[in-house]
């Protein structure tokens, strides 16, 4: 029973971290923040979903059984965090390059 509780806590924590990573914040403009977050989610989701499908199908072929939905969701969130890290790094380096050219 303790492992089930730990799994739920880890899943909630992973979801909160993912949502914090995709959130686009505009000071004193909550509607712009929600709009930018939604657009960013629509931009990045196809890549995350596609990579998740590839990984889940690979795991299913290897194990010869279907993964539970909780594991699929965990893989989605982990892939999303990795992609967000590299996407944020790209944006940061792109902004640094633009400010150096001024």
C-alpha atoms as a PDB file:
ATOM      1  CA  UNK A   1       0.000   0.000   0.000  1.00  0.00           C
ATOM      2  CA  UNK A   2       2.893   2.364   0.699  1.00  0.00           C
ATOM      3  CA  UNK A   3       4.246   1.959  -2.826  1.00  0.00           C
ATOM      4  CA  UNK A   4       0.869   2.951  -4.327  1.00  0.00           C
ATOM      5  CA  UNK A   5       0.910   6.143  -2.258  1.00  0.00           C
ATOM      6  CA  UNK A   6       4.481   6.878  -3.322  1.00  0.00           C
ATOM      7  CA  UNK A   7       3.558   6.370  -6.979  1.00  0.00           C
ATOM      8  CA  UNK A   8       0.693   8.844  -6.678  1.00  0.00           C
ATOM      9  CA  UNK A   9       2.905  11.412  -4.949  1.00  0.00           C
ATOM     10  CA  UNK A  10       5.637  11.033  -7.592  1.00  0.00           C
ATOM     11  CA  UNK A  11       3.072  11.335 -10.377  1.00  0.00           C
ATOM     12  CA  UNK A  12       1.558  14.496  -8.870  1.00  0.00           C
ATOM     13  CA  UNK A  13       5.028  15.951  -8.320  1.00  0.00           C
ATOM     14  CA  UNK A  14       6.079  15.157 -11.894  1.00  0.00           C
ATOM     15  CA  UNK A  15       2.868  16.730 -13.229  1.00  0.00           C
ATOM     16  CA  UNK A  16       3.417  19.874 -11.151  1.00  0.00           C
ATOM     17  CA  UNK A  17       7.003  20.205 -12.360  1.00  0.00           C
ATOM     18  CA  UNK A  18       5.895  19.728 -15.981  1.00  0.00           C
ATOM     19  CA  UNK A  19       3.165  22.361 -15.642  1.00  0.00           C
ATOM     20  CA  UNK A  20       5.635  24.761 -14.033  1.00  0.00           C
ATOM     21  CA  UNK A  21       8.044  24.243 -16.943  1.00  0.00           C
ATOM     22  CA  UNK A  22       5.483  24.925 -19.659  1.00  0.00           C
ATOM     23  CA  UNK A  23       3.972  27.974 -17.934  1.00  0.00           C
ATOM     24  CA  UNK A  24       4.757  31.235 -19.719  1.00  0.00           C
ATOM     25  CA  UNK A  25       4.590  34.137 -17.273  1.00  0.00           C
ATOM     26  CA  UNK A  26       3.763  37.737 -18.137  1.00  0.00           C
ATOM     27  CA  UNK A  27       3.864  40.036 -15.099  1.00  0.00           C
ATOM     28  CA  UNK A  28       0.458  41.558 -14.255  1.00  0.00           C
ATOM     29  CA  UNK A  29      -1.125  39.974 -17.342  1.00  0.00           C
ATOM     30  CA  UNK A  30      -2.804  36.694 -16.343  1.00  0.00           C
ATOM     31  CA  UNK A  31      -4.780  36.322 -19.591  1.00  0.00           C
ATOM     32  CA  UNK A  32      -1.632  36.748 -21.683  1.00  0.00           C
ATOM     33  CA  UNK A  33       0.103  34.196 -19.477  1.00  0.00           C
ATOM     34  CA  UNK A  34      -2.690  31.657 -20.028  1.00  0.00           C
ATOM     35  CA  UNK A  35      -2.789  32.362 -23.755  1.00  0.00           C
ATOM     36  CA  UNK A  36       0.975  32.015 -24.187  1.00  0.00           C
ATOM     37  CA  UNK A  37       0.990  28.836 -22.095  1.00  0.00           C
ATOM     38  CA  UNK A  38      -1.803  27.330 -24.179  1.00  0.00           C
ATOM     39  CA  UNK A  39      -0.077  28.210 -27.449  1.00  0.00           C
ATOM     40  CA  UNK A  40       3.213  26.810 -26.193  1.00  0.00           C
ATOM     41  CA  UNK A  41       1.478  23.612 -25.121  1.00  0.00           C
ATOM     42  CA  UNK A  42      -0.092  23.291 -28.582  1.00  0.00           C
ATOM     43  CA  UNK A  43       3.306  23.899 -30.206  1.00  0.00           C
ATOM     44  CA  UNK A  44       5.244  21.335 -28.201  1.00  0.00           C
ATOM     45  CA  UNK A  45       2.609  18.635 -27.584  1.00  0.00           C
ATOM     46  CA  UNK A  46       2.821  16.947 -31.009  1.00  0.00           C
ATOM     47  CA  UNK A  47       6.532  16.302 -30.540  1.00  0.00           C
ATOM     48  CA  UNK A  48       6.060  14.988 -27.013  1.00  0.00           C
ATOM     49  CA  UNK A  49       3.134  12.778 -28.027  1.00  0.00           C
ATOM     50  CA  UNK A  50       5.021  11.395 -31.026  1.00  0.00           C
ATOM     51  CA  UNK A  51       8.141  10.576 -29.042  1.00  0.00           C
ATOM     52  CA  UNK A  52       6.017   9.047 -26.280  1.00  0.00           C
ATOM     53  CA  UNK A  53       4.253   6.798 -28.808  1.00  0.00           C
ATOM     54  CA  UNK A  54       7.622   5.644 -30.148  1.00  0.00           C
ATOM     55  CA  UNK A  55       8.990   4.901 -26.674  1.00  0.00           C
ATOM     56  CA  UNK A  56       5.820   3.127 -25.504  1.00  0.00           C
ATOM     57  CA  UNK A  57       5.689   0.981 -28.640  1.00  0.00           C
ATOM     58  CA  UNK A  58       9.361   0.099 -28.186  1.00  0.00           C
ATOM     59  CA  UNK A  59       8.767  -0.912 -24.551  1.00  0.00           C
ATOM     60  CA  UNK A  60       5.683  -2.892 -25.575  1.00  0.00           C
ATOM     61  CA  UNK A  61       7.624  -4.794 -28.239  1.00  0.00           C
ATOM     62  CA  UNK A  62      10.428  -5.570 -25.823  1.00  0.00           C
ATOM     63  CA  UNK A  63       8.218  -6.695 -22.941  1.00  0.00           C
ATOM     64  CA  UNK A  64       5.523  -8.270 -25.181  1.00  0.00           C
ATOM     65  CA  UNK A  65       2.776  -6.733 -23.042  1.00  0.00           C
ATOM     66  CA  UNK A  66       0.934  -3.449 -22.911  1.00  0.00           C
ATOM     67  CA  UNK A  67       2.133  -0.756 -20.501  1.00  0.00           C
ATOM     68  CA  UNK A  68      -0.309   0.537 -17.871  1.00  0.00           C
ATOM     69  CA  UNK A  69      -1.697   4.032 -18.455  1.00  0.00           C
ATOM     70  CA  UNK A  70       0.094   5.371 -15.394  1.00  0.00           C
ATOM     71  CA  UNK A  71       3.437   4.392 -16.913  1.00  0.00           C
ATOM     72  CA  UNK A  72       2.481   5.887 -20.275  1.00  0.00           C
ATOM     73  CA  UNK A  73       1.556   9.155 -18.556  1.00  0.00           C
ATOM     74  CA  UNK A  74       4.821   9.101 -16.621  1.00  0.00           C
ATOM     75  CA  UNK A  75       6.785   8.570 -19.846  1.00  0.00           C
ATOM     76  CA  UNK A  76       4.866  11.466 -21.458  1.00  0.00           C
ATOM     77  CA  UNK A  77       5.686  13.805 -18.588  1.00  0.00           C
ATOM     78  CA  UNK A  78       9.350  12.776 -18.531  1.00  0.00           C
ATOM     79  CA  UNK A  79       9.728  13.215 -22.289  1.00  0.00           C
ATOM     80  CA  UNK A  80       7.944  16.564 -21.970  1.00  0.00           C
ATOM     81  CA  UNK A  81      10.372  17.728 -19.309  1.00  0.00           C
ATOM     82  CA  UNK A  82      13.393  16.735 -21.395  1.00  0.00           C
ATOM     83  CA  UNK A  83      12.008  18.501 -24.464  1.00  0.00           C
ATOM     84  CA  UNK A  84      11.149  21.584 -22.399  1.00  0.00           C
ATOM     85  CA  UNK A  85      14.700  21.673 -21.067  1.00  0.00           C
ATOM     86  CA  UNK A  86      16.214  21.685 -24.546  1.00  0.00           C
ATOM     87  CA  UNK A  87      13.558  24.072 -25.890  1.00  0.00           C
ATOM     88  CA  UNK A  88      14.251  26.492 -23.046  1.00  0.00           C
ATOM     89  CA  UNK A  89      17.986  26.186 -23.611  1.00  0.00           C
ATOM     90  CA  UNK A  90      17.460  26.940 -27.299  1.00  0.00           C
ATOM     91  CA  UNK A  91      15.347  30.003 -26.496  1.00  0.00           C
ATOM     92  CA  UNK A  92      17.851  31.247 -23.932  1.00  0.00           C
ATOM     93  CA  UNK A  93      20.805  30.899 -26.312  1.00  0.00           C
ATOM     94  CA  UNK A  94      18.791  32.426 -29.160  1.00  0.00           C
ATOM     95  CA  UNK A  95      17.930  35.472 -27.022  1.00  0.00           C
ATOM     96  CA  UNK A  96      21.549  35.775 -25.914  1.00  0.00           C
ATOM     97  CA  UNK A  97      22.675  35.703 -29.543  1.00  0.00           C
ATOM     98  CA  UNK A  98      20.166  38.386 -30.530  1.00  0.00           C
ATOM     99  CA  UNK A  99      21.198  40.680 -27.680  1.00  0.00           C
ATOM    100  CA  UNK A 100      24.884  40.269 -28.614  1.00  0.00           C
ATOM    101  CA  UNK A 101      24.127  41.449 -32.163  1.00  0.00           C
ATOM    102  CA  UNK A 102      22.611  44.728 -30.971  1.00  0.00           C
END
